[in-house]
């Protein structure tokens, strides 16, 4: 059998044509977006769209500087760790990982399939365990010093080897603690499967409340974070206004909710935690989620 290698002219999607340059990492350019990110038109991170930037400018809102925002948030976590004399913070909660790293990966899926973790030492050294072959999702984040794999020991991933994999992961965490905190054996953990906690404690690690650390870190905002909140609220209000604009008899609750979802996504929003939109008799009792009622 003879194999013919297509030419560029005859096969525009030939494997010989490299569509994406895998060597491009942490590109520094002079042309920046209003939030300080490189204006490459193919940003890896979840962030504001051009629509959002234009709306914020029209409202006179100052976008947050993401570079400074990431540095501030890491400093808040480090400050809370040092105040409690903890060696570090180990996170599995996707929202805490987002706060610490500003990286994201399948957030909703990761909430019930804990495949990502992050360790922040009291000195500020940060290690991210991500899903398989996903290093590129955090390549633009210089505060993330290492990207590793191997934090997945939930049953769907590990089956009857879950305890073995949890022990392997605990050994890695123990090594990081010894490297960056010496003899300090106190580790804050936000949310972790019990077999992981058991594996850490077996190594003599004292597990403390990581949610306490992260909540106290987040409670104080600087002006940059206040700007981020104002911009987020403005985008939310714009999406709600679009939803209200199509509100008319015959529309279902889920149709209205879909419009709000659309408004969120086109502005760079990632996801919405609840879908509490109800009408008529469904408004009492409250907390009924959107359904087919017109």
Protein backbone atom coordinates (compact mmCIF):
# COMPACT_ATOMS: atom_id res chain seq x y z
CA UNK A 1 0.00 0.00 0.00
CA UNK A 2 1.26 3.44 -0.90
CA UNK A 3 0.65 6.37 1.43
CA UNK A 4 0.37 9.84 -0.08
CA UNK A 5 1.22 12.76 2.19
CA UNK A 6 -1.16 15.63 1.35
CA UNK A 7 0.27 18.98 0.47
CA UNK A 8 -0.78 22.22 2.10
CA UNK A 9 -2.71 23.21 -0.99
CA UNK A 10 -4.63 19.97 -1.21
CA UNK A 11 -5.27 19.50 2.52
CA UNK A 12 -5.67 22.68 4.55
CA UNK A 13 -6.21 20.55 7.69
CA UNK A 14 -3.15 18.38 7.17
CA UNK A 15 -1.29 17.37 10.36
CA UNK A 16 1.71 18.99 8.74
CA UNK A 17 0.10 22.37 9.35
CA UNK A 18 0.50 23.48 12.92
CA UNK A 19 -2.61 25.40 13.94
CA UNK A 20 -1.51 26.12 17.49
CA UNK A 21 2.02 26.79 18.65
CA UNK A 22 2.57 24.63 21.77
CA UNK A 23 5.81 26.45 22.58
CA UNK A 24 4.07 29.76 23.23
CA UNK A 25 3.91 30.24 26.99
CA UNK A 26 3.50 33.34 29.13
CA UNK A 27 3.70 35.71 26.21
CA UNK A 28 4.54 39.29 27.11
CA UNK A 29 3.16 41.87 24.74
CA UNK A 30 2.69 45.61 24.86
CA UNK A 31 -0.92 45.39 23.72
CA UNK A 32 -2.94 44.58 26.83
CA UNK A 33 -6.64 44.20 27.50
CA UNK A 34 -8.19 46.56 30.06
CA UNK A 35 -7.74 43.91 32.78
CA UNK A 36 -4.00 43.59 32.14
CA UNK A 37 -4.16 40.35 30.13
CA UNK A 38 -2.27 40.04 26.81
CA UNK A 39 -4.54 40.94 23.90
CA UNK A 40 -4.05 37.76 21.89
CA UNK A 41 -7.69 37.17 20.91
CA UNK A 42 -7.40 33.60 22.20
CA UNK A 43 -7.10 33.99 25.95
CA UNK A 44 -6.88 30.73 27.82
CA UNK A 45 -8.35 31.98 31.06
CA UNK A 46 -12.04 32.59 31.60
CA UNK A 47 -12.42 36.34 31.61
CA UNK A 48 -14.37 39.35 30.39
CA UNK A 49 -15.38 39.58 26.74
CA UNK A 50 -15.20 42.67 24.53
CA UNK A 51 -18.91 43.21 25.21
CA UNK A 52 -18.20 43.43 28.94
CA UNK A 53 -15.26 45.80 28.49
CA UNK A 54 -17.34 48.10 26.27
CA UNK A 55 -20.25 48.17 28.72
CA UNK A 56 -17.97 48.89 31.67
CA UNK A 57 -16.31 51.73 29.79
CA UNK A 58 -19.70 53.23 28.96
CA UNK A 59 -20.60 53.11 32.66
CA UNK A 60 -17.29 54.67 33.67
CA UNK A 61 -16.19 51.54 35.55
CA UNK A 62 -12.55 50.67 36.04
CA UNK A 63 -11.81 46.99 35.26
CA UNK A 64 -9.68 45.14 37.78
CA UNK A 65 -6.06 44.50 37.01
CA UNK A 66 -5.83 40.71 37.05
CA UNK A 67 -2.07 40.58 37.61
CA UNK A 68 -2.38 42.68 40.77
CA UNK A 69 -5.56 40.87 41.81
CA UNK A 70 -3.84 37.48 41.76
CA UNK A 71 -0.90 38.78 43.77
CA UNK A 72 -3.21 40.33 46.38
CA UNK A 73 -5.27 37.18 46.82
CA UNK A 74 -2.19 35.03 47.30
CA UNK A 75 -0.91 37.51 49.88
CA UNK A 76 -4.22 37.27 51.74
CA UNK A 77 -3.97 33.48 51.96
CA UNK A 78 -0.34 33.63 53.03
CA UNK A 79 -1.18 36.18 55.71
CA UNK A 80 -3.88 33.96 57.18
CA UNK A 81 -1.56 30.93 57.18
CA UNK A 82 1.21 32.84 58.91
CA UNK A 83 -1.19 34.25 61.49
CA UNK A 84 -2.16 30.68 62.47
CA UNK A 85 1.34 29.25 62.14
CA UNK A 86 0.22 26.70 59.53
CA UNK A 87 2.65 25.13 57.09
CA UNK A 88 0.28 25.55 54.21
CA UNK A 89 -3.19 25.28 52.76
CA UNK A 90 -4.39 22.34 50.67
CA UNK A 91 -7.46 23.06 48.55
CA UNK A 92 -9.83 20.83 46.61
CA UNK A 93 -12.75 23.26 46.51
CA UNK A 94 -12.85 24.65 42.93
CA UNK A 95 -13.80 28.13 44.13
CA UNK A 96 -10.92 28.25 46.59
CA UNK A 97 -8.56 27.05 43.86
CA UNK A 98 -9.89 29.79 41.58
CA UNK A 99 -9.31 32.38 44.31
CA UNK A 100 -5.77 31.19 44.93
CA UNK A 101 -4.65 30.64 41.35
CA UNK A 102 -7.20 32.31 39.04
CA UNK A 103 -7.16 29.10 37.03
CA UNK A 104 -10.24 27.18 36.05
CA UNK A 105 -11.00 23.79 34.58
CA UNK A 106 -14.42 22.14 34.32
CA UNK A 107 -15.54 23.80 37.54
CA UNK A 108 -18.89 22.07 38.00
CA UNK A 109 -17.55 18.66 37.03
CA UNK A 110 -14.64 19.09 39.42
CA UNK A 111 -16.98 19.78 42.33
CA UNK A 112 -18.14 16.15 42.30
CA UNK A 113 -15.03 14.64 40.69
CA UNK A 114 -12.19 16.12 42.78
CA UNK A 115 -9.44 15.91 40.19
CA UNK A 116 -7.79 19.25 40.97
CA UNK A 117 -5.95 20.41 44.07
CA UNK A 118 -3.73 23.30 45.07
CA UNK A 119 -1.11 23.68 47.79
CA UNK A 120 -0.07 27.11 49.03
CA UNK A 121 2.74 27.22 51.55
CA UNK A 122 3.03 29.85 54.27
CA UNK A 123 5.89 31.32 52.22
CA UNK A 124 3.68 31.66 49.14
CA UNK A 125 4.95 28.72 47.09
CA UNK A 126 2.06 27.42 45.00
CA UNK A 127 1.59 23.99 43.40
CA UNK A 128 -1.43 23.13 41.27
CA UNK A 129 -2.53 19.57 40.51
CA UNK A 130 -4.67 19.69 37.39
CA UNK A 131 -6.55 17.23 35.21
CA UNK A 132 -4.52 15.15 32.76
CA UNK A 133 -2.56 17.15 30.13
CA UNK A 134 -4.07 20.48 31.18
CA UNK A 135 -0.86 22.38 31.96
CA UNK A 136 -1.68 24.93 29.29
CA UNK A 137 -4.66 26.20 31.30
CA UNK A 138 -2.37 27.79 33.88
CA UNK A 139 0.69 28.52 31.74
CA UNK A 140 -0.12 32.24 31.85
CA UNK A 141 0.02 32.31 35.67
CA UNK A 142 3.55 32.93 36.99
CA UNK A 143 2.40 32.61 40.62
CA UNK A 144 1.71 28.91 39.99
CA UNK A 145 5.23 27.55 40.43
CA UNK A 146 4.47 23.94 39.50
CA UNK A 147 1.71 22.07 37.69
CA UNK A 148 1.44 18.41 38.60
CA UNK A 149 -0.98 15.49 38.25
CA UNK A 150 -2.08 12.82 40.67
CA UNK A 151 -4.62 14.45 43.00
CA UNK A 152 -7.42 12.18 41.75
CA UNK A 153 -8.16 9.37 44.17
CA UNK A 154 -11.97 9.45 44.09
CA UNK A 155 -13.61 6.12 43.38
CA UNK A 156 -14.66 6.74 39.77
CA UNK A 157 -11.03 7.47 38.91
CA UNK A 158 -9.21 5.03 41.17
CA UNK A 159 -11.67 2.26 41.98
CA UNK A 160 -10.30 -0.23 44.49
CA UNK A 161 -6.92 1.56 44.41
CA UNK A 162 -8.35 4.74 45.96
CA UNK A 163 -6.58 4.34 49.30
CA UNK A 164 -3.31 3.55 47.54
CA UNK A 165 -3.57 6.67 45.38
CA UNK A 166 -4.59 8.79 48.37
CA UNK A 167 -1.49 7.59 50.22
CA UNK A 168 0.69 8.48 47.23
CA UNK A 169 -0.82 11.95 47.09
CA UNK A 170 -0.34 12.40 50.85
CA UNK A 171 3.34 11.51 50.47
CA UNK A 172 3.73 14.27 47.88
CA UNK A 173 2.00 16.81 50.13
CA UNK A 174 4.18 15.71 53.04
CA UNK A 175 7.30 16.27 50.92
CA UNK A 176 6.12 19.76 49.95
CA UNK A 177 5.48 20.64 53.58
CA UNK A 178 8.96 19.50 54.58
CA UNK A 179 10.53 21.47 51.71
CA UNK A 180 8.71 24.72 52.38
CA UNK A 181 7.83 24.61 56.09
CA UNK A 182 10.45 22.42 57.75
CA UNK A 183 9.13 20.78 60.90
CA UNK A 184 5.72 22.50 60.87
CA UNK A 185 3.16 19.69 60.61
CA UNK A 186 -0.01 21.82 60.69
CA UNK A 187 -1.85 21.81 57.36
CA UNK A 188 -5.12 23.57 56.57
CA UNK A 189 -7.38 21.50 54.28
CA UNK A 190 -10.60 22.91 52.89
CA UNK A 191 -12.49 19.86 51.63
CA UNK A 192 -11.12 16.40 51.05
CA UNK A 193 -12.35 12.83 50.87
CA UNK A 194 -11.97 11.07 54.22
CA UNK A 195 -9.44 8.61 52.84
CA UNK A 196 -7.22 11.54 51.91
CA UNK A 197 -7.50 13.06 55.37
CA UNK A 198 -6.77 9.66 56.90
CA UNK A 199 -3.67 9.31 54.71
CA UNK A 200 -2.37 12.73 55.77
CA UNK A 201 -2.94 12.03 59.46
CA UNK A 202 -1.18 8.68 59.12
CA UNK A 203 1.95 10.66 58.20
CA UNK A 204 1.68 12.76 61.36
CA UNK A 205 0.15 15.78 59.64
CA UNK A 206 -2.24 17.81 61.79
CA UNK A 207 -5.25 18.66 59.61
CA UNK A 208 -6.83 22.03 60.37
CA UNK A 209 -9.76 23.94 58.84
CA UNK A 210 -8.92 25.22 55.38
CA UNK A 211 -12.34 26.78 54.87
CA UNK A 212 -11.64 29.03 57.84
CA UNK A 213 -8.42 30.19 56.22
CA UNK A 214 -9.97 30.84 52.82
CA UNK A 215 -13.06 32.61 54.19
CA UNK A 216 -11.02 34.96 56.35
CA UNK A 217 -8.69 35.63 53.43
CA UNK A 218 -11.60 36.62 51.20
CA UNK A 219 -13.38 38.82 53.72
CA UNK A 220 -11.09 41.81 53.14
CA UNK A 221 -11.18 43.37 49.66
CA UNK A 222 -8.81 45.96 48.28
CA UNK A 223 -9.80 48.61 45.74
CA UNK A 224 -8.93 46.29 42.85
CA UNK A 225 -11.33 43.62 44.11
CA UNK A 226 -14.01 46.26 44.69
CA UNK A 227 -13.60 47.22 41.03
CA UNK A 228 -14.00 43.56 40.07
CA UNK A 229 -17.20 43.32 42.09
CA UNK A 230 -18.64 46.51 40.57
CA UNK A 231 -17.90 45.22 37.07
CA UNK A 232 -19.41 41.81 37.85
CA UNK A 233 -22.56 43.43 39.23
CA UNK A 234 -22.86 45.63 36.14
CA UNK A 235 -22.65 42.58 33.87
CA UNK A 236 -25.24 40.79 35.96
CA UNK A 237 -27.58 43.78 35.76
CA UNK A 238 -27.13 43.92 31.98
CA UNK A 239 -28.07 40.26 31.69
CA UNK A 240 -31.12 40.75 33.89
CA UNK A 241 -32.20 43.72 31.77
CA UNK A 242 -32.03 41.56 28.65
CA UNK A 243 -34.11 38.93 30.40
CA UNK A 244 -36.69 41.52 31.42
CA UNK A 245 -36.82 42.87 27.86
CA UNK A 246 -38.21 39.57 26.52
CA UNK A 247 -40.62 39.09 29.41
CA UNK A 248 -44.11 38.81 27.92
CA UNK A 249 -47.15 36.54 28.23
CA UNK A 250 -46.51 33.08 26.86
CA UNK A 251 -42.82 32.97 27.81
CA UNK A 252 -41.84 30.14 30.11
CA UNK A 253 -39.65 30.49 33.16
CA UNK A 254 -36.91 28.44 31.52
CA UNK A 255 -37.00 30.64 28.42
CA UNK A 256 -36.39 33.69 30.58
CA UNK A 257 -33.66 31.89 32.48
CA UNK A 258 -31.97 30.89 29.22
CA UNK A 259 -31.75 34.57 28.30
CA UNK A 260 -30.01 35.35 31.58
CA UNK A 261 -27.59 32.49 30.97
CA UNK A 262 -26.90 33.87 27.52
CA UNK A 263 -26.22 37.32 28.96
CA UNK A 264 -23.82 35.84 31.47
CA UNK A 265 -21.85 33.80 28.96
CA UNK A 266 -21.46 36.43 26.24
CA UNK A 267 -19.90 38.76 28.82
CA UNK A 268 -17.39 36.15 29.92
CA UNK A 269 -19.27 34.71 32.89
CA UNK A 270 -18.41 31.11 33.67
CA UNK A 271 -21.49 29.59 35.28
CA UNK A 272 -24.44 30.37 37.55
CA UNK A 273 -24.84 28.39 40.75
CA UNK A 274 -28.64 28.38 40.98
CA UNK A 275 -31.62 28.92 38.68
CA UNK A 276 -34.09 30.44 41.13
CA UNK A 277 -36.63 32.07 38.84
CA UNK A 278 -40.30 31.40 39.48
CA UNK A 279 -43.63 32.98 38.66
CA UNK A 280 -47.20 33.13 39.94
CA UNK A 281 -48.06 30.49 42.53
CA UNK A 282 -44.53 29.07 42.30
CA UNK A 283 -43.10 32.13 44.05
CA UNK A 284 -44.38 30.91 47.43
CA UNK A 285 -42.74 29.03 48.99
CA UNK A 286 -39.51 30.52 47.68
CA UNK A 287 -36.48 28.62 46.32
CA UNK A 288 -38.33 26.88 43.49
CA UNK A 289 -36.10 26.72 40.44
CA UNK A 290 -37.10 27.66 36.91
CA UNK A 291 -39.48 25.28 35.22
CA UNK A 292 -41.78 25.06 32.18
CA UNK A 293 -44.57 27.23 33.62
CA UNK A 294 -45.57 30.05 31.25
